[in-house]
Amino acid sequence: MKKLIALFLVVMSTTSIFSQDDKSKVQETVNKSKIESHIYFLASDSLKGRETGTPENKIAASYLANTLRSYGVQPNPKTGDYYQKVDLYKKSPPSDVRLSINGAPIQDYALLETAAIDFSKGAVYLGYGLEADYKGATVDGKVVIVKGGSAVAKDTRAAFGLLDQKKELAKQHGAVAVIELLNTEDQMWGFIEHNFNGSSLGVVKKEDKKVTMPYLWVLDKENTMANGLKKDTPISIAIHMSGPKEEIVESQNIIGIVEGTDPELKEEYIIYSAHYDHVGIGTPDATGDTIYNGARDNAVGTTTVLSMAENLAKHPTKRSALFILFTGEEKGLLGSSFYVENPVLPLEQMVYCFNSDNAGYNDTSLVTIVGLPRTTAAQHIKDAASAFELTAVDDPAPEQGLFDRSDNVNFAKKGIPSPTFSLGFTAFNGDVTKYYHRPGDEAETLDYDYLFKFFSAYVLAGRFIANDPVTPTWTKGDKYEAAGEALYKN
């Protein structure tokens, strides 16, 4: 018996020497110099903000594909390389836009929807342009001018939320165009101009073209113009807009795979995802910088996934891994929208999507997981963060709707549990909005000691989830629980 015990102890001792725990495996591959190397390249001026459809975006894609190859990650099983072609429909803005209201030329406008028009037959002011405002009004064949938002919510976010409703009402009543007067601060207006006065992209779909009409936002500080308009007072307007240019452009998602080690669990996949595009070149800041480098958004998230890929290529987990780096997130979650309709492996084998997306951070003691309590893997994420002296917290700004503003939501809609792992913030303001979609989001402004902990926590959390014998699910009662049950046929 003593000999058997001694032999057992020797075997256990030998096993412990050659068997590292998950934390030590993370520490073996994650290091600060690699993190800096990836982020400095992806956020460099030479990539000009990685806007989808540009040559610089393709350079970033090539860099990511070759990085996965260098780690020994296996390629996209459908193509044999690391790319998934995504054809996008590109609409470039009209080259000639002129607008005046009551004889005053308008310079600050944003083109939310474009179509050729040359019109000077008069306009109607309809308050907020909601259903009640159309009662008794004759707008057929006229331009409708409305006020941003509603009587209840007048901010820019409310205006975004009511956009489709106002557009549809105007079309139903025969309007030829809509001018919406928006009272917003300079930073938000700069963001709006950059996003709507440039080229727009959409996933190519086999469907009839929708009938469009011009819809413009006009900057109206302190509601000066709106306060001078009345519903029953004639308004003179002149609007000329040339037609937009339309073409097909090719972009790409980047895909790689690491097979799991467990004979049964390897049939289940954890998706590790992030978007690698950003918003390109735009309005200069106070220093004259026009390149929106996107270090936080989302070179950090992209590098998080690369860190996971390097680790799993060297130390695979029981479950398999699917790495997806998306194009077109900033253009409307296009890459992930395309992927879930064209998956390279069956969606029902994807049991979790561990997305990483960022705006900024204002607390380096935290990692913020948007949707933390919404899946049964929450404790694994908390434990992983704690192992690297961080605290995992849920989204502190639910009013921003962040869960539905990143690529994770397209997987959630299909039923796949999909939180987003983000840099630590206690509110969506201050040092978060200071860098969010701004030219100052440069690699040298980041705290790399903090990022080392951040990346380590993500990789460890992924390992915990992928090695757990119990498959993660949505928590009971979640809005996507029913979609999950349908996908997995629970």
Protein backbone atom coordinates (compact mmCIF):
# COMPACT_ATOMS: atom_id res chain seq x y z
CA MET A 1 0.00 0.00 0.00
CA LYS A 2 2.83 2.41 0.88
CA LYS A 3 4.47 1.69 -2.51
CA LEU A 4 1.18 2.41 -4.31
CA ILE A 5 0.77 5.70 -2.42
CA ALA A 6 4.35 6.70 -3.25
CA LEU A 7 3.84 5.82 -6.91
CA PHE A 8 0.62 7.86 -6.94
CA LEU A 9 2.41 10.87 -5.44
CA VAL A 10 5.20 10.61 -8.02
CA VAL A 11 2.66 10.47 -10.86
CA MET A 12 0.76 13.43 -9.43
CA SER A 13 3.96 15.40 -8.97
CA THR A 14 5.06 14.70 -12.54
CA THR A 15 1.61 15.65 -13.84
CA SER A 16 1.68 18.95 -11.94
CA ILE A 17 5.07 19.80 -13.44
CA PHE A 18 3.92 19.29 -17.03
CA SER A 19 0.37 20.54 -16.57
CA GLN A 20 0.02 24.29 -16.27
CA ASP A 21 -3.11 25.90 -14.91
CA ASP A 22 -5.06 28.28 -17.13
CA LYS A 23 -3.63 31.44 -15.59
CA SER A 24 -0.04 30.40 -16.21
CA LYS A 25 -0.95 29.51 -19.80
CA VAL A 26 -2.32 33.01 -20.24
CA GLN A 27 0.83 34.53 -18.78
CA GLU A 28 2.92 32.50 -21.16
CA THR A 29 1.52 34.16 -24.30
CA VAL A 30 0.15 37.59 -23.31
CA ASN A 31 2.77 40.30 -22.99
CA LYS A 32 2.82 44.07 -23.21
CA SER A 33 5.23 44.38 -26.14
CA LYS A 34 2.99 42.29 -28.44
CA ILE A 35 -0.04 44.30 -27.36
CA GLU A 36 1.72 47.57 -28.17
CA SER A 37 2.99 46.23 -31.49
CA HIS A 38 -0.50 45.30 -32.72
CA ILE A 39 -2.21 48.49 -31.54
CA TYR A 40 0.48 50.86 -32.81
CA PHE A 41 0.24 49.29 -36.26
CA LEU A 42 -3.55 49.14 -36.47
CA ALA A 43 -3.96 52.69 -35.15
CA SER A 44 -1.11 54.20 -37.16
CA ASP A 45 -1.64 57.24 -39.39
CA SER A 46 -0.59 55.13 -42.38
CA LEU A 47 -3.85 53.13 -42.11
CA LYS A 48 -5.87 56.37 -42.20
CA GLY A 49 -8.53 55.18 -39.78
CA ARG A 50 -9.22 51.79 -41.45
CA GLU A 51 -12.50 52.88 -43.05
CA THR A 52 -14.37 49.98 -44.62
CA GLY A 53 -13.89 49.73 -48.38
CA THR A 54 -10.58 51.62 -48.44
CA PRO A 55 -7.16 50.22 -49.39
CA GLU A 56 -6.01 50.88 -45.81
CA ASN A 57 -8.80 48.69 -44.46
CA LYS A 58 -7.58 45.91 -46.74
CA ILE A 59 -4.04 46.38 -45.43
CA ALA A 60 -5.36 45.92 -41.90
CA ALA A 61 -7.20 42.78 -43.03
CA SER A 62 -4.02 41.35 -44.56
CA TYR A 63 -2.11 42.09 -41.35
CA LEU A 64 -4.70 40.25 -39.27
CA ALA A 65 -4.84 37.25 -41.61
CA ASN A 66 -1.08 36.89 -41.60
CA THR A 67 -0.95 37.25 -37.83
CA LEU A 68 -3.41 34.36 -37.43
CA ARG A 69 -1.35 32.34 -39.90
CA SER A 70 1.85 33.03 -37.93
CA TYR A 71 0.20 31.70 -34.76
CA GLY A 72 -0.75 28.43 -36.43
CA VAL A 73 -4.49 29.15 -36.43
CA GLN A 74 -6.32 27.18 -39.12
CA PRO A 75 -8.01 29.14 -41.95
CA ASN A 76 -11.65 29.61 -42.93
CA PRO A 77 -12.80 26.05 -43.77
CA LYS A 78 -14.90 27.26 -46.71
CA THR A 79 -12.14 29.16 -48.52
CA GLY A 80 -8.84 27.68 -47.36
CA ASP A 81 -7.57 31.17 -46.53
CA TYR A 82 -8.37 33.60 -43.72
CA TYR A 83 -10.89 35.72 -45.59
CA GLN A 84 -14.64 35.84 -46.01
CA LYS A 85 -15.54 38.07 -48.93
CA VAL A 86 -18.23 40.63 -48.11
CA ASP A 87 -19.70 42.51 -51.08
CA LEU A 88 -21.01 45.91 -50.06
CA TYR A 89 -23.24 48.42 -51.79
CA LYS A 90 -21.53 51.83 -51.70
CA LYS A 91 -23.42 55.07 -52.14
CA SER A 92 -21.26 58.18 -52.40
CA PRO A 93 -22.83 61.55 -51.47
CA PRO A 94 -24.12 63.96 -54.13
CA SER A 95 -21.44 66.24 -55.54
CA ASP A 96 -23.78 69.24 -55.61
CA VAL A 97 -26.04 70.16 -52.68
CA ARG A 98 -27.59 73.60 -52.20
CA LEU A 99 -30.22 74.52 -49.63
CA SER A 100 -31.83 77.76 -48.46
CA ILE A 101 -34.78 78.45 -46.16
CA ASN A 102 -36.58 81.81 -46.44
CA GLY A 103 -33.68 83.06 -48.55
CA ALA A 104 -30.97 82.17 -46.01
CA PRO A 105 -28.34 79.69 -47.30
CA ILE A 106 -27.86 76.63 -45.11
CA GLN A 107 -24.27 75.42 -44.66
CA ASP A 108 -24.52 72.98 -41.75
CA TYR A 109 -26.47 69.97 -42.94
CA ALA A 110 -26.21 66.17 -42.81
CA LEU A 111 -27.45 63.94 -45.62
CA LEU A 112 -29.41 61.14 -43.99
CA GLU A 113 -31.06 60.08 -47.27
CA THR A 114 -30.27 61.29 -50.76
CA ALA A 115 -32.01 61.48 -54.14
CA ALA A 116 -31.81 63.85 -57.07
CA ILE A 117 -34.06 66.91 -56.57
CA ASP A 118 -34.41 70.48 -57.82
CA PHE A 119 -37.26 72.12 -55.94
CA SER A 120 -38.42 75.64 -55.07
CA LYS A 121 -42.22 75.40 -54.68
CA GLY A 122 -42.54 76.01 -50.96
CA ALA A 123 -42.34 74.19 -47.65
CA VAL A 124 -44.58 73.39 -44.70
CA TYR A 125 -43.52 73.49 -41.04
CA LEU A 126 -45.05 70.61 -39.07
CA GLY A 127 -43.72 70.91 -35.52
CA TYR A 128 -42.08 67.60 -34.64
CA GLY A 129 -43.39 65.90 -37.76
CA LEU A 130 -45.23 63.14 -35.89
CA GLU A 131 -48.63 61.75 -36.79
CA ALA A 132 -50.69 64.36 -34.92
CA ASP A 133 -48.77 67.16 -36.65
CA TYR A 134 -50.10 66.11 -40.07
CA LYS A 135 -53.77 66.62 -39.14
CA GLY A 136 -55.22 69.38 -41.28
CA ALA A 137 -51.95 69.94 -43.13
CA THR A 138 -51.53 69.67 -46.90
CA VAL A 139 -48.00 68.50 -47.68
CA ASP A 140 -48.44 66.62 -50.96
CA GLY A 141 -45.71 67.74 -53.37
CA LYS A 142 -44.03 69.96 -50.77
CA VAL A 143 -40.95 69.93 -48.55
CA VAL A 144 -41.69 69.22 -44.90
CA ILE A 145 -39.68 71.05 -42.22
CA VAL A 146 -39.79 69.52 -38.74
CA LYS A 147 -38.14 69.94 -35.36
CA GLY A 148 -35.71 67.34 -34.01
CA GLY A 149 -36.97 64.71 -31.58
CA SER A 150 -40.35 65.04 -29.90
CA ALA A 151 -42.02 67.13 -27.22
CA VAL A 152 -41.05 64.45 -24.70
CA ALA A 153 -37.44 63.81 -25.82
CA LYS A 154 -35.60 66.49 -27.79
CA ASP A 155 -32.03 65.19 -27.72
CA THR A 156 -30.08 63.75 -30.64
CA ARG A 157 -30.59 60.16 -29.51
CA ALA A 158 -34.37 60.69 -29.58
CA ALA A 159 -34.07 62.19 -33.08
CA PHE A 160 -32.23 59.06 -34.23
CA GLY A 161 -34.91 56.87 -32.71
CA LEU A 162 -37.76 58.72 -34.45
CA LEU A 163 -36.04 58.99 -37.83
CA ASP A 164 -37.73 56.05 -39.57
CA GLN A 165 -41.14 57.01 -38.22
CA LYS A 166 -40.86 60.61 -39.44
CA LYS A 167 -39.53 59.48 -42.81
CA GLU A 168 -42.42 57.07 -43.35
CA LEU A 169 -45.06 59.62 -42.33
CA ALA A 170 -43.65 62.17 -44.77
CA LYS A 171 -43.69 59.62 -47.61
CA GLN A 172 -47.25 58.55 -46.80
CA HIS A 173 -48.45 62.16 -47.03
CA GLY A 174 -46.69 62.83 -50.34
CA ALA A 175 -43.81 65.03 -49.21
CA VAL A 176 -40.89 65.38 -51.62
CA ALA A 177 -38.23 65.93 -48.95
CA VAL A 178 -37.79 66.38 -45.19
CA ILE A 179 -35.64 68.97 -43.43
CA GLU A 180 -35.26 68.24 -39.71
CA LEU A 181 -33.88 71.04 -37.53
CA LEU A 182 -31.56 69.60 -34.89
CA ASN A 183 -30.35 71.40 -31.79
CA THR A 184 -27.17 69.64 -30.67
CA GLU A 185 -23.68 70.37 -29.36
CA ASP A 186 -20.66 70.86 -31.62
CA GLN A 187 -18.98 67.50 -30.87
CA MET A 188 -22.14 65.56 -31.66
CA TRP A 189 -22.71 67.57 -34.81
CA GLY A 190 -19.15 66.82 -35.94
CA PHE A 191 -19.87 63.13 -35.44
CA ILE A 192 -23.11 63.40 -37.43
CA GLU A 193 -21.49 65.28 -40.33
CA HIS A 194 -18.65 62.78 -40.51
CA ASN A 195 -20.94 59.77 -40.58
CA PHE A 196 -23.68 61.03 -42.90
CA ASN A 197 -21.93 63.33 -45.36
CA GLY A 198 -19.49 60.65 -46.44
CA SER A 199 -20.08 57.47 -48.37
CA SER A 200 -22.56 54.95 -46.96
CA LEU A 201 -22.31 51.19 -47.21
CA GLY A 202 -24.76 48.33 -47.00
CA VAL A 203 -24.65 44.58 -47.53
CA VAL A 204 -25.63 43.65 -51.08
CA LYS A 205 -29.05 41.97 -51.03
CA LYS A 206 -31.25 40.62 -53.82
CA GLU A 207 -34.24 42.87 -53.28
CA ASP A 208 -36.02 45.71 -55.00
CA LYS A 209 -34.57 49.15 -54.49
CA LYS A 210 -36.53 51.24 -52.01
CA VAL A 211 -38.02 54.55 -53.09
CA THR A 212 -35.93 57.28 -51.50
CA MET A 213 -36.43 60.99 -50.92
CA PRO A 214 -34.02 63.58 -49.55
CA TYR A 215 -33.91 63.72 -45.76
CA LEU A 216 -31.55 66.27 -44.22
CA TRP A 217 -30.67 67.25 -40.69
CA VAL A 218 -29.86 70.94 -40.34
CA LEU A 219 -27.94 72.26 -37.34
CA ASP A 220 -30.24 74.64 -35.45
CA LYS A 221 -28.42 75.92 -32.36
CA GLU A 222 -30.84 76.85 -29.56
CA ASN A 223 -33.74 76.13 -31.97
CA THR A 224 -33.29 79.55 -33.55
CA MET A 225 -34.78 78.58 -36.93
CA ALA A 226 -37.50 76.37 -35.48
CA ASN A 227 -38.69 79.09 -33.13
CA GLY A 228 -39.11 81.44 -36.11
CA LEU A 229 -41.37 79.07 -38.06
CA LYS A 230 -45.11 78.56 -37.77
CA LYS A 231 -47.35 75.85 -39.13
CA ASP A 232 -49.69 78.22 -40.98
CA THR A 233 -47.03 80.62 -42.32
CA PRO A 234 -45.71 80.17 -45.88
CA ILE A 235 -42.03 79.18 -46.10
CA SER A 236 -39.86 79.66 -49.14
CA ILE A 237 -37.32 76.96 -49.81
CA ALA A 238 -34.82 76.09 -52.50
CA ILE A 239 -33.21 72.68 -52.52
CA HIS A 240 -30.98 71.25 -55.21
CA MET A 241 -29.29 67.89 -54.88
CA SER A 242 -27.55 65.88 -57.57
CA GLY A 243 -27.98 62.12 -57.58
CA PRO A 244 -25.65 59.91 -55.51
CA LYS A 245 -23.00 57.69 -57.08
CA GLU A 246 -23.59 53.97 -56.57
CA GLU A 247 -21.15 51.06 -56.89
CA ILE A 248 -20.21 47.66 -55.44
CA VAL A 249 -17.10 47.43 -53.25
CA GLU A 250 -15.47 44.35 -51.80
CA SER A 251 -14.49 44.03 -48.16
CA GLN A 252 -13.72 41.06 -45.95
CA ASN A 253 -14.20 39.45 -42.57
CA ILE A 254 -11.14 37.65 -41.20
CA ILE A 255 -11.73 34.09 -39.94
CA GLY A 256 -9.65 31.43 -38.22
CA ILE A 257 -10.23 28.20 -36.26
CA VAL A 258 -8.54 26.23 -33.49
CA GLU A 259 -9.96 22.76 -32.88
CA GLY A 260 -10.76 21.75 -29.32
CA THR A 261 -9.16 18.85 -27.45
CA ASP A 262 -12.21 17.09 -26.01
CA PRO A 263 -13.71 14.39 -28.26
CA GLU A 264 -17.26 15.61 -27.54
CA LEU A 265 -16.92 19.26 -26.51
CA LYS A 266 -14.85 20.14 -29.59
CA GLU A 267 -18.10 20.01 -31.58
CA GLU A 268 -19.11 23.14 -29.65
CA TYR A 269 -17.46 26.45 -30.58
CA ILE A 270 -16.75 29.65 -28.70
CA ILE A 271 -16.65 32.65 -31.05
CA TYR A 272 -14.06 35.31 -30.20
CA SER A 273 -14.94 38.43 -32.14
CA ALA A 274 -14.21 42.11 -32.68
CA HIS A 275 -14.47 44.61 -35.51
CA TYR A 276 -11.26 45.93 -37.04
CA ASP A 277 -12.64 48.83 -39.09
CA HIS A 278 -12.94 52.41 -37.92
CA VAL A 279 -14.34 55.67 -39.36
CA GLY A 280 -11.45 56.86 -41.52
CA ILE A 281 -10.66 60.53 -42.19
CA GLY A 282 -12.98 63.36 -41.19
CA THR A 283 -13.46 66.76 -39.61
CA PRO A 284 -10.22 68.07 -38.09
CA ASP A 285 -9.89 68.58 -34.35
CA ALA A 286 -8.36 71.67 -32.69
CA THR A 287 -4.86 70.50 -33.66
CA GLY A 288 -5.81 70.04 -37.32
CA ASP A 289 -5.65 66.23 -37.11
CA THR A 290 -8.07 64.60 -39.56
CA ILE A 291 -7.22 60.92 -39.05
CA TYR A 292 -9.57 59.05 -36.74
CA ASN A 293 -7.05 56.40 -35.67
CA GLY A 294 -9.39 54.18 -33.64
CA ALA A 295 -6.91 52.87 -31.08
CA ARG A 296 -9.60 52.20 -28.49
CA ASP A 297 -12.30 51.63 -31.08
CA ASN A 298 -11.33 49.05 -32.03
CA ALA A 299 -7.64 48.27 -32.33
CA VAL A 300 -7.87 47.28 -28.66
CA GLY A 301 -10.75 44.86 -29.31
CA THR A 302 -9.02 43.44 -32.36
CA THR A 303 -5.85 42.85 -30.38
CA THR A 304 -7.90 41.18 -27.64
CA VAL A 305 -9.00 38.55 -30.16
CA LEU A 306 -5.46 38.18 -31.53
CA SER A 307 -4.24 37.54 -27.97
CA MET A 308 -6.88 34.84 -27.59
CA ALA A 309 -5.90 33.27 -30.92
CA GLU A 310 -2.22 33.10 -30.05
CA ASN A 311 -2.98 31.54 -26.71
CA LEU A 312 -5.37 28.88 -28.01
CA ALA A 313 -3.14 27.98 -30.94
CA LYS A 314 -0.49 27.06 -28.36
CA HIS A 315 -2.79 25.73 -25.61
CA PRO A 316 -6.15 24.62 -27.09
CA THR A 317 -9.18 24.34 -24.84
CA LYS A 318 -11.73 21.54 -24.69
CA ARG A 319 -14.16 23.46 -26.90
CA SER A 320 -13.14 24.64 -30.35
CA ALA A 321 -12.56 28.31 -31.14
CA LEU A 322 -13.80 30.40 -34.06
CA PHE A 323 -12.10 33.78 -34.44
CA ILE A 324 -13.94 36.43 -36.45
CA LEU A 325 -12.69 39.96 -37.08
CA PHE A 326 -15.46 41.96 -38.70
CA THR A 327 -15.46 44.64 -41.34
CA GLY A 328 -18.12 47.34 -41.56
CA GLU A 329 -19.16 47.61 -37.91
CA GLU A 330 -18.98 51.39 -38.05
CA LYS A 331 -21.17 51.36 -41.17
CA GLY A 332 -24.01 49.53 -39.44
CA LEU A 333 -22.70 46.17 -38.13
CA LEU A 334 -22.35 45.03 -41.74
CA GLY A 335 -19.67 42.36 -41.37
CA SER A 336 -21.44 40.54 -38.55
CA SER A 337 -24.82 40.95 -40.25
CA PHE A 338 -23.36 39.28 -43.34
CA TYR A 339 -21.66 36.55 -41.31
CA VAL A 340 -24.74 35.32 -39.42
CA GLU A 341 -26.54 34.89 -42.75
CA ASN A 342 -23.48 33.20 -44.31
CA PRO A 343 -21.78 31.26 -41.49
CA VAL A 344 -18.76 29.09 -42.27
CA LEU A 345 -19.93 26.55 -39.69
CA PRO A 346 -23.48 25.80 -38.46
CA LEU A 347 -24.71 28.44 -36.02
CA GLU A 348 -26.13 25.77 -33.70
CA GLN A 349 -22.54 24.67 -32.96
CA MET A 350 -21.71 28.18 -31.72
CA VAL A 351 -22.53 28.10 -28.02
CA TYR A 352 -21.09 31.48 -27.05
CA CYS A 353 -19.88 34.69 -28.72
CA PHE A 354 -17.29 36.58 -26.64
CA ASN A 355 -17.22 39.91 -28.43
CA SER A 356 -14.79 42.76 -27.67
CA ASP A 357 -15.60 46.37 -28.58
CA ASN A 358 -14.60 49.67 -27.00
CA ALA A 359 -15.16 53.40 -26.85
CA GLY A 360 -12.77 54.30 -24.07
CA TYR A 361 -12.15 53.93 -20.35
CA ASN A 362 -12.22 56.04 -17.21
CA ASP A 363 -11.48 53.44 -14.53
CA THR A 364 -8.44 51.19 -14.82
CA SER A 365 -9.57 48.99 -11.96
CA LEU A 366 -12.49 47.68 -14.02
CA VAL A 367 -13.47 45.72 -17.08
CA THR A 368 -16.97 46.49 -18.28
CA ILE A 369 -18.92 43.63 -19.80
CA VAL A 370 -22.01 44.81 -21.63
CA GLY A 371 -24.50 42.06 -20.84
CA LEU A 372 -22.50 40.52 -17.97
CA PRO A 373 -25.46 39.08 -16.01
CA ARG A 374 -27.27 37.97 -19.15
CA THR A 375 -25.38 34.68 -19.59
CA THR A 376 -24.46 31.84 -17.26
CA ALA A 377 -20.75 32.47 -17.93
CA ALA A 378 -20.78 35.65 -15.81
CA GLN A 379 -18.90 34.10 -12.88
CA HIS A 380 -16.12 32.85 -15.14
CA ILE A 381 -15.61 36.40 -16.41
CA LYS A 382 -15.62 37.82 -12.89
CA ASP A 383 -13.12 35.23 -11.70
CA ALA A 384 -10.82 35.87 -14.66
CA ALA A 385 -10.86 39.61 -14.06
CA SER A 386 -10.16 39.11 -10.36
CA ALA A 387 -7.17 36.90 -11.19
CA PHE A 388 -5.54 39.94 -12.79
CA GLU A 389 -6.58 42.44 -10.11
CA LEU A 390 -9.55 43.82 -12.02
CA THR A 391 -13.27 43.90 -11.23
CA ALA A 392 -15.81 42.88 -13.86
CA VAL A 393 -18.93 45.08 -13.90
CA ASP A 394 -22.04 45.28 -16.02
CA ASP A 395 -22.86 48.14 -18.39
CA PRO A 396 -23.17 51.33 -16.26
CA ALA A 397 -24.89 53.27 -19.06
CA PRO A 398 -27.91 51.21 -20.19
CA GLU A 399 -29.48 54.35 -21.65
CA GLN A 400 -26.85 54.20 -24.42
CA GLY A 401 -28.17 50.84 -25.66
CA LEU A 402 -24.62 49.53 -26.07
CA PHE A 403 -25.62 45.85 -26.18
CA ASP A 404 -27.50 46.53 -29.40
CA ARG A 405 -24.80 48.75 -30.94
CA SER A 406 -22.03 46.22 -31.48
CA ASP A 407 -21.59 43.04 -33.52
CA ASN A 408 -22.67 40.82 -30.63
CA VAL A 409 -26.31 41.72 -31.16
CA ASN A 410 -26.48 39.97 -34.55
CA PHE A 411 -25.45 36.73 -32.84
CA ALA A 412 -27.81 37.36 -29.93
CA LYS A 413 -30.72 37.69 -32.34
CA LYS A 414 -29.88 34.22 -33.64
CA GLY A 415 -29.93 32.91 -30.06
CA ILE A 416 -26.20 32.73 -29.27
CA PRO A 417 -25.24 34.10 -25.82
CA SER A 418 -23.18 37.18 -26.72
CA PRO A 419 -21.84 39.73 -24.23
CA THR A 420 -19.25 42.38 -25.11
CA PHE A 421 -15.99 42.68 -23.18
CA SER A 422 -15.02 46.35 -22.92
CA LEU A 423 -12.54 48.68 -21.26
CA GLY A 424 -13.58 49.82 -17.79
CA PHE A 425 -15.94 52.77 -17.54
CA THR A 426 -18.31 54.05 -14.88
CA ALA A 427 -20.27 56.37 -17.18
CA PHE A 428 -20.40 57.08 -20.90
CA ASN A 429 -18.81 60.52 -20.63
CA GLY A 430 -15.50 62.22 -19.79
CA ASP A 431 -12.49 60.20 -20.93
CA VAL A 432 -14.80 57.86 -22.85
CA THR A 433 -16.48 60.42 -25.09
CA LYS A 434 -13.27 62.48 -25.26
CA TYR A 435 -11.75 59.81 -27.51
CA TYR A 436 -14.84 58.13 -28.96
CA HIS A 437 -14.77 58.64 -32.75
CA ARG A 438 -12.27 61.47 -32.37
CA PRO A 439 -8.90 62.07 -34.06
CA GLY A 440 -7.20 61.95 -30.65
CA ASP A 441 -7.82 58.21 -30.25
CA GLU A 442 -4.11 57.44 -30.80
CA ALA A 443 -2.04 54.47 -29.67
CA GLU A 444 0.27 56.58 -27.50
CA THR A 445 -2.64 57.79 -25.34
CA LEU A 446 -3.32 54.30 -23.94
CA ASP A 447 -2.29 52.85 -20.57
CA TYR A 448 -0.51 49.62 -21.56
CA ASP A 449 -0.06 48.39 -17.98
CA TYR A 450 -3.84 48.43 -17.72
CA LEU A 451 -4.24 46.84 -21.15
CA PHE A 452 -1.94 43.98 -20.15
CA LYS A 453 -4.39 43.13 -17.34
CA PHE A 454 -7.36 43.69 -19.63
CA PHE A 455 -6.11 41.30 -22.33
CA SER A 456 -5.04 38.72 -19.77
CA ALA A 457 -8.50 38.77 -18.17
CA TYR A 458 -10.20 38.28 -21.56
CA VAL A 459 -8.00 35.32 -22.49
CA LEU A 460 -8.43 33.69 -19.09
CA ALA A 461 -12.20 34.19 -19.19
CA GLY A 462 -12.30 32.59 -22.63
CA ARG A 463 -10.34 29.61 -21.34
CA PHE A 464 -12.64 29.19 -18.34
CA ILE A 465 -15.75 29.24 -20.55
CA ALA A 466 -14.27 26.93 -23.18
CA ASN A 467 -13.11 24.35 -20.61
CA ASP A 468 -16.28 24.29 -18.50
CA PRO A 469 -18.08 20.94 -18.99
CA VAL A 470 -21.38 22.82 -18.69
CA THR A 471 -22.41 24.69 -21.86
CA PRO A 472 -23.13 28.41 -21.28
CA THR A 473 -26.66 29.71 -21.90
CA TRP A 474 -28.71 32.85 -21.62
CA THR A 475 -29.90 33.51 -18.09
CA LYS A 476 -33.54 32.64 -17.50
CA GLY A 477 -35.94 35.28 -18.70
CA ASP A 478 -33.51 37.07 -21.03
CA LYS A 479 -35.11 38.61 -24.13
CA TYR A 480 -33.00 36.29 -26.32
CA GLU A 481 -33.66 33.12 -24.33
CA ALA A 482 -36.41 31.98 -26.69
CA ALA A 483 -34.15 32.49 -29.72
CA GLY A 484 -31.52 30.36 -27.98
CA GLU A 485 -34.00 27.58 -27.29
CA ALA A 486 -35.06 27.61 -30.95
CA LEU A 487 -31.47 27.55 -32.23
CA TYR A 488 -30.28 24.77 -29.93
CA LYS A 489 -33.66 22.98 -29.91
CA ASN A 490 -33.69 22.88 -26.11
